[in-house]
Amino acid sequence: MKISDKERLKKIISTWEALKKNINDHNITKELLLNDEFSQWAVTTPLFNIGEQVYKLSIQREKNN
């Protein structure tokens, strides 16, 4: 089953909202990101997942062609 752009955008937004909540809940700061591997993982993994969804948007590919 192919995922629609609308579904991808919903996933991007929900991942971003969850990331913001985790940053606030765990008091993740810039300084903590420099030194704490768990915090680095907790932030970069959702960002990577968002990037994957953005890359797969058909809207984006249509503009590039």
PDB file of N, CA and C in Angstrom:
ATOM      1  N   MET A   1       0.829  -1.171   0.000  1.00  0.00           N
ATOM      2  CA  MET A   1       0.000   0.000   0.000  1.00  0.00           C
ATOM      3  C   MET A   1       0.885   1.250   0.000  1.00  0.00           C
ATOM      4  N   LYS A   2       0.611   2.138  -0.915  1.00  0.00           N
ATOM      5  CA  LYS A   2       1.383   3.362  -1.018  1.00  0.00           C
ATOM      6  C   LYS A   2       0.833   4.402  -0.037  1.00  0.00           C
ATOM      7  N   ILE A   3       1.754   5.068   0.660  1.00  0.00           N
ATOM      8  CA  ILE A   3       1.365   6.096   1.622  1.00  0.00           C
ATOM      9  C   ILE A   3       1.188   7.419   0.885  1.00  0.00           C
ATOM     10  N   SER A   4       0.088   8.106   1.136  1.00  0.00           N
ATOM     11  CA  SER A   4      -0.176   9.374   0.467  1.00  0.00           C
ATOM     12  C   SER A   4       0.644  10.490   1.098  1.00  0.00           C
ATOM     13  N   ASP A   5       0.785  11.583   0.351  1.00  0.00           N
ATOM     14  CA  ASP A   5       1.490  12.744   0.884  1.00  0.00           C
ATOM     15  C   ASP A   5       0.823  13.263   2.149  1.00  0.00           C
ATOM     16  N   LYS A   6      -0.505  13.230   2.166  1.00  0.00           N
ATOM     17  CA  LYS A   6      -1.230  13.709   3.342  1.00  0.00           C
ATOM     18  C   LYS A   6      -0.865  12.873   4.570  1.00  0.00           C
ATOM     19  N   GLU A   7      -0.782  11.560   4.399  1.00  0.00           N
ATOM     20  CA  GLU A   7      -0.402  10.677   5.507  1.00  0.00           C
ATOM     21  C   GLU A   7       1.038  10.945   5.936  1.00  0.00           C
ATOM     22  N   ARG A   8       1.915  11.170   4.957  1.00  0.00           N
ATOM     23  CA  ARG A   8       3.318  11.477   5.275  1.00  0.00           C
ATOM     24  C   ARG A   8       3.422  12.782   6.065  1.00  0.00           C
ATOM     25  N   LEU A   9       2.670  13.798   5.644  1.00  0.00           N
ATOM     26  CA  LEU A   9       2.697  15.074   6.347  1.00  0.00           C
ATOM     27  C   LEU A   9       2.180  14.931   7.775  1.00  0.00           C
ATOM     28  N   LYS A  10       1.157  14.121   7.968  1.00  0.00           N
ATOM     29  CA  LYS A  10       0.648  13.855   9.320  1.00  0.00           C
ATOM     30  C   LYS A  10       1.734  13.191  10.172  1.00  0.00           C
ATOM     31  N   LYS A  11       2.458  12.243   9.570  1.00  0.00           N
ATOM     32  CA  LYS A  11       3.530  11.537  10.273  1.00  0.00           C
ATOM     33  C   LYS A  11       4.655  12.504  10.627  1.00  0.00           C
ATOM     34  N   ILE A  12       5.006  13.393   9.715  1.00  0.00           N
ATOM     35  CA  ILE A  12       6.051  14.387   9.975  1.00  0.00           C
ATOM     36  C   ILE A  12       5.650  15.263  11.156  1.00  0.00           C
ATOM     37  N   ILE A  13       4.419  15.744  11.137  1.00  0.00           N
ATOM     38  CA  ILE A  13       3.941  16.623  12.204  1.00  0.00           C
ATOM     39  C   ILE A  13       3.894  15.892  13.538  1.00  0.00           C
ATOM     40  N   SER A  14       3.389  14.669  13.542  1.00  0.00           N
ATOM     41  CA  SER A  14       3.301  13.930  14.811  1.00  0.00           C
ATOM     42  C   SER A  14       4.693  13.602  15.356  1.00  0.00           C
ATOM     43  N   THR A  15       5.635  13.278  14.486  1.00  0.00           N
ATOM     44  CA  THR A  15       7.005  12.999  14.926  1.00  0.00           C
ATOM     45  C   THR A  15       7.632  14.257  15.513  1.00  0.00           C
ATOM     46  N   TRP A  16       7.413  15.401  14.851  1.00  0.00           N
ATOM     47  CA  TRP A  16       7.950  16.664  15.351  1.00  0.00           C
ATOM     48  C   TRP A  16       7.345  17.018  16.712  1.00  0.00           C
ATOM     49  N   GLU A  17       6.038  16.849  16.852  1.00  0.00           N
ATOM     50  CA  GLU A  17       5.378  17.150  18.130  1.00  0.00           C
ATOM     51  C   GLU A  17       5.915  16.249  19.242  1.00  0.00           C
ATOM     52  N   ALA A  18       6.104  14.976  18.939  1.00  0.00           N
ATOM     53  CA  ALA A  18       6.645  14.043  19.935  1.00  0.00           C
ATOM     54  C   ALA A  18       8.078  14.424  20.309  1.00  0.00           C
ATOM     55  N   LEU A  19       8.862  14.848  19.332  1.00  0.00           N
ATOM     56  CA  LEU A  19      10.238  15.268  19.607  1.00  0.00           C
ATOM     57  C   LEU A  19      10.245  16.497  20.513  1.00  0.00           C
ATOM     58  N   LYS A  20       9.414  17.481  20.209  1.00  0.00           N
ATOM     59  CA  LYS A  20       9.352  18.680  21.056  1.00  0.00           C
ATOM     60  C   LYS A  20       8.964  18.315  22.484  1.00  0.00           C
ATOM     61  N   LYS A  21       8.007  17.412  22.631  1.00  0.00           N
ATOM     62  CA  LYS A  21       7.566  16.981  23.965  1.00  0.00           C
ATOM     63  C   LYS A  21       8.712  16.287  24.709  1.00  0.00           C
ATOM     64  N   ASN A  22       9.425  15.409  24.025  1.00  0.00           N
ATOM     65  CA  ASN A  22      10.546  14.706  24.658  1.00  0.00           C
ATOM     66  C   ASN A  22      11.655  15.663  25.065  1.00  0.00           C
ATOM     67  N   ILE A  23      11.932  16.657  24.222  1.00  0.00           N
ATOM     68  CA  ILE A  23      12.962  17.642  24.557  1.00  0.00           C
ATOM     69  C   ILE A  23      12.565  18.383  25.833  1.00  0.00           C
ATOM     70  N   ASN A  24      11.313  18.782  25.913  1.00  0.00           N
ATOM     71  CA  ASN A  24      10.845  19.488  27.109  1.00  0.00           C
ATOM     72  C   ASN A  24      10.781  18.574  28.329  1.00  0.00           C
ATOM     73  N   ASP A  25      10.250  17.371  28.155  1.00  0.00           N
ATOM     74  CA  ASP A  25      10.104  16.434  29.279  1.00  0.00           C
ATOM     75  C   ASP A  25      11.445  16.034  29.884  1.00  0.00           C
ATOM     76  N   HIS A  26      12.466  15.897  29.036  1.00  0.00           N
ATOM     77  CA  HIS A  26      13.776  15.436  29.500  1.00  0.00           C
ATOM     78  C   HIS A  26      14.784  16.569  29.653  1.00  0.00           C
ATOM     79  N   ASN A  27      14.280  17.803  29.536  1.00  0.00           N
ATOM     80  CA  ASN A  27      15.142  18.982  29.696  1.00  0.00           C
ATOM     81  C   ASN A  27      16.413  18.899  28.852  1.00  0.00           C
ATOM     82  N   ILE A  28      16.256  18.548  27.594  1.00  0.00           N
ATOM     83  CA  ILE A  28      17.390  18.432  26.692  1.00  0.00           C
ATOM     84  C   ILE A  28      17.789  19.837  26.230  1.00  0.00           C
ATOM     85  N   THR A  29      19.040  20.182  26.499  1.00  0.00           N
ATOM     86  CA  THR A  29      19.585  21.492  26.127  1.00  0.00           C
ATOM     87  C   THR A  29      20.695  21.308  25.100  1.00  0.00           C
ATOM     88  N   LYS A  30      21.165  22.423  24.545  1.00  0.00           N
ATOM     89  CA  LYS A  30      22.287  22.359  23.604  1.00  0.00           C
ATOM     90  C   LYS A  30      23.505  21.732  24.271  1.00  0.00           C
ATOM     91  N   GLU A  31      23.751  22.132  25.498  1.00  0.00           N
ATOM     92  CA  GLU A  31      24.912  21.618  26.225  1.00  0.00           C
ATOM     93  C   GLU A  31      24.803  20.112  26.450  1.00  0.00           C
ATOM     94  N   LEU A  32      23.610  19.663  26.786  1.00  0.00           N
ATOM     95  CA  LEU A  32      23.395  18.234  27.003  1.00  0.00           C
ATOM     96  C   LEU A  32      23.610  17.456  25.706  1.00  0.00           C
ATOM     97  N   LEU A  33      23.181  18.036  24.594  1.00  0.00           N
ATOM     98  CA  LEU A  33      23.372  17.365  23.300  1.00  0.00           C
ATOM     99  C   LEU A  33      24.847  17.187  22.950  1.00  0.00           C
ATOM    100  N   LEU A  34      25.670  18.093  23.412  1.00  0.00           N
ATOM    101  CA  LEU A  34      27.105  17.990  23.123  1.00  0.00           C
ATOM    102  C   LEU A  34      27.770  16.849  23.880  1.00  0.00           C
ATOM    103  N   ASN A  35      27.210  16.481  25.030  1.00  0.00           N
ATOM    104  CA  ASN A  35      27.904  15.536  25.909  1.00  0.00           C
ATOM    105  C   ASN A  35      27.184  14.227  26.188  1.00  0.00           C
ATOM    106  N   ASP A  36      25.898  14.157  25.923  1.00  0.00           N
ATOM    107  CA  ASP A  36      25.119  12.988  26.327  1.00  0.00           C
ATOM    108  C   ASP A  36      24.643  12.205  25.104  1.00  0.00           C
ATOM    109  N   GLU A  37      25.143  10.991  24.977  1.00  0.00           N
ATOM    110  CA  GLU A  37      24.833  10.166  23.812  1.00  0.00           C
ATOM    111  C   GLU A  37      23.348   9.816  23.717  1.00  0.00           C
ATOM    112  N   PHE A  38      22.694   9.559  24.850  1.00  0.00           N
ATOM    113  CA  PHE A  38      21.265   9.245  24.812  1.00  0.00           C
ATOM    114  C   PHE A  38      20.466  10.432  24.280  1.00  0.00           C
ATOM    115  N   SER A  39      20.791  11.622  24.738  1.00  0.00           N
ATOM    116  CA  SER A  39      20.090  12.819  24.257  1.00  0.00           C
ATOM    117  C   SER A  39      20.323  13.019  22.763  1.00  0.00           C
ATOM    118  N   GLN A  40      21.544  12.774  22.319  1.00  0.00           N
ATOM    119  CA  GLN A  40      21.852  12.891  20.885  1.00  0.00           C
ATOM    120  C   GLN A  40      20.985  11.924  20.085  1.00  0.00           C
ATOM    121  N   TRP A  41      20.893  10.697  20.559  1.00  0.00           N
ATOM    122  CA  TRP A  41      20.075   9.693  19.888  1.00  0.00           C
ATOM    123  C   TRP A  41      18.601  10.085  19.920  1.00  0.00           C
ATOM    124  N   ALA A  42      18.140  10.595  21.071  1.00  0.00           N
ATOM    125  CA  ALA A  42      16.727  10.941  21.248  1.00  0.00           C
ATOM    126  C   ALA A  42      16.297  12.064  20.318  1.00  0.00           C
ATOM    127  N   VAL A  43      17.233  12.907  19.908  1.00  0.00           N
ATOM    128  CA  VAL A  43      16.910  14.019  19.012  1.00  0.00           C
ATOM    129  C   VAL A  43      17.165  13.656  17.552  1.00  0.00           C
ATOM    130  N   THR A  44      18.291  13.021  17.279  1.00  0.00           N
ATOM    131  CA  THR A  44      18.644  12.780  15.871  1.00  0.00           C
ATOM    132  C   THR A  44      17.796  11.694  15.213  1.00  0.00           C
ATOM    133  N   THR A  45      17.367  10.700  15.961  1.00  0.00           N
ATOM    134  CA  THR A  45      16.554   9.638  15.365  1.00  0.00           C
ATOM    135  C   THR A  45      15.233  10.163  14.807  1.00  0.00           C
ATOM    136  N   PRO A  46      14.465  10.935  15.576  1.00  0.00           N
ATOM    137  CA  PRO A  46      13.233  11.498  15.003  1.00  0.00           C
ATOM    138  C   PRO A  46      13.515  12.443  13.822  1.00  0.00           C
ATOM    139  N   LEU A  47      14.605  13.210  13.903  1.00  0.00           N
ATOM    140  CA  LEU A  47      14.939  14.111  12.797  1.00  0.00           C
ATOM    141  C   LEU A  47      15.251  13.306  11.529  1.00  0.00           C
ATOM    142  N   PHE A  48      15.943  12.198  11.684  1.00  0.00           N
ATOM    143  CA  PHE A  48      16.230  11.327  10.549  1.00  0.00           C
ATOM    144  C   PHE A  48      14.932  10.777   9.967  1.00  0.00           C
ATOM    145  N   ASN A  49      14.021  10.358  10.843  1.00  0.00           N
ATOM    146  CA  ASN A  49      12.734   9.815  10.384  1.00  0.00           C
ATOM    147  C   ASN A  49      11.922  10.874   9.639  1.00  0.00           C
ATOM    148  N   ILE A  50      11.960  12.107  10.128  1.00  0.00           N
ATOM    149  CA  ILE A  50      11.277  13.197   9.433  1.00  0.00           C
ATOM    150  C   ILE A  50      11.901  13.390   8.052  1.00  0.00           C
ATOM    151  N   GLY A  51      13.214  13.379   7.986  1.00  0.00           N
ATOM    152  CA  GLY A  51      13.911  13.540   6.708  1.00  0.00           C
ATOM    153  C   GLY A  51      13.538  12.461   5.703  1.00  0.00           C
ATOM    154  N   GLU A  52      13.405  11.229   6.167  1.00  0.00           N
ATOM    155  CA  GLU A  52      12.983  10.143   5.274  1.00  0.00           C
ATOM    156  C   GLU A  52      11.595  10.404   4.704  1.00  0.00           C
ATOM    157  N   GLN A  53      10.687  10.867   5.549  1.00  0.00           N
ATOM    158  CA  GLN A  53       9.320  11.138   5.090  1.00  0.00           C
ATOM    159  C   GLN A  53       9.294  12.309   4.110  1.00  0.00           C
ATOM    160  N   VAL A  54      10.069  13.340   4.377  1.00  0.00           N
ATOM    161  CA  VAL A  54      10.123  14.498   3.478  1.00  0.00           C
ATOM    162  C   VAL A  54      10.661  14.071   2.116  1.00  0.00           C
ATOM    163  N   TYR A  55      11.707  13.244   2.127  1.00  0.00           N
ATOM    164  CA  TYR A  55      12.312  12.788   0.876  1.00  0.00           C
ATOM    165  C   TYR A  55      11.309  12.020   0.012  1.00  0.00           C
ATOM    166  N   LYS A  56      10.399  11.314   0.644  1.00  0.00           N
ATOM    167  CA  LYS A  56       9.442  10.476  -0.088  1.00  0.00           C
ATOM    168  C   LYS A  56       8.193  11.221  -0.539  1.00  0.00           C
ATOM    169  N   LEU A  57       8.070  12.502  -0.186  1.00  0.00           N
ATOM    170  CA  LEU A  57       6.904  13.269  -0.630  1.00  0.00           C
ATOM    171  C   LEU A  57       6.921  13.416  -2.148  1.00  0.00           C
ATOM    172  N   SER A  58       5.827  13.084  -2.795  1.00  0.00           N
ATOM    173  CA  SER A  58       5.776  13.214  -4.251  1.00  0.00           C
ATOM    174  C   SER A  58       5.766  14.675  -4.667  1.00  0.00           C
ATOM    175  N   ILE A  59       5.241  15.553  -3.834  1.00  0.00           N
ATOM    176  CA  ILE A  59       5.226  16.985  -4.121  1.00  0.00           C
ATOM    177  C   ILE A  59       6.656  17.478  -4.330  1.00  0.00           C
ATOM    178  N   GLN A  60       7.547  17.055  -3.484  1.00  0.00           N
ATOM    179  CA  GLN A  60       8.945  17.464  -3.561  1.00  0.00           C
ATOM    180  C   GLN A  60       9.582  16.985  -4.856  1.00  0.00           C
ATOM    181  N   ARG A  61       9.332  15.751  -5.242  1.00  0.00           N
ATOM    182  CA  ARG A  61       9.930  15.208  -6.462  1.00  0.00           C
ATOM    183  C   ARG A  61       9.390  15.900  -7.698  1.00  0.00           C
ATOM    184  N   GLU A  62       8.111  16.245  -7.701  1.00  0.00           N
ATOM    185  CA  GLU A  62       7.517  16.908  -8.857  1.00  0.00           C
ATOM    186  C   GLU A  62       8.156  18.271  -9.088  1.00  0.00           C
ATOM    187  N   LYS A  63       8.486  18.987  -8.027  1.00  0.00           N
ATOM    188  CA  LYS A  63       9.110  20.297  -8.155  1.00  0.00           C
ATOM    189  C   LYS A  63      10.519  20.188  -8.708  1.00  0.00           C
ATOM    190  N   ASN A  64      11.213  19.089  -8.405  1.00  0.00           N
ATOM    191  CA  ASN A  64      12.597  18.910  -8.854  1.00  0.00           C
ATOM    192  C   ASN A  64      12.678  18.509 -10.330  1.00  0.00           C
ATOM    193  N   ASN A  65      11.596  18.013 -10.901  1.00  0.00           N
ATOM    194  CA  ASN A  65      11.642  17.540 -12.295  1.00  0.00           C
ATOM    195  C   ASN A  65      11.222  18.571 -13.262  1.00  0.00           C
TER     196      ASN A  65
END
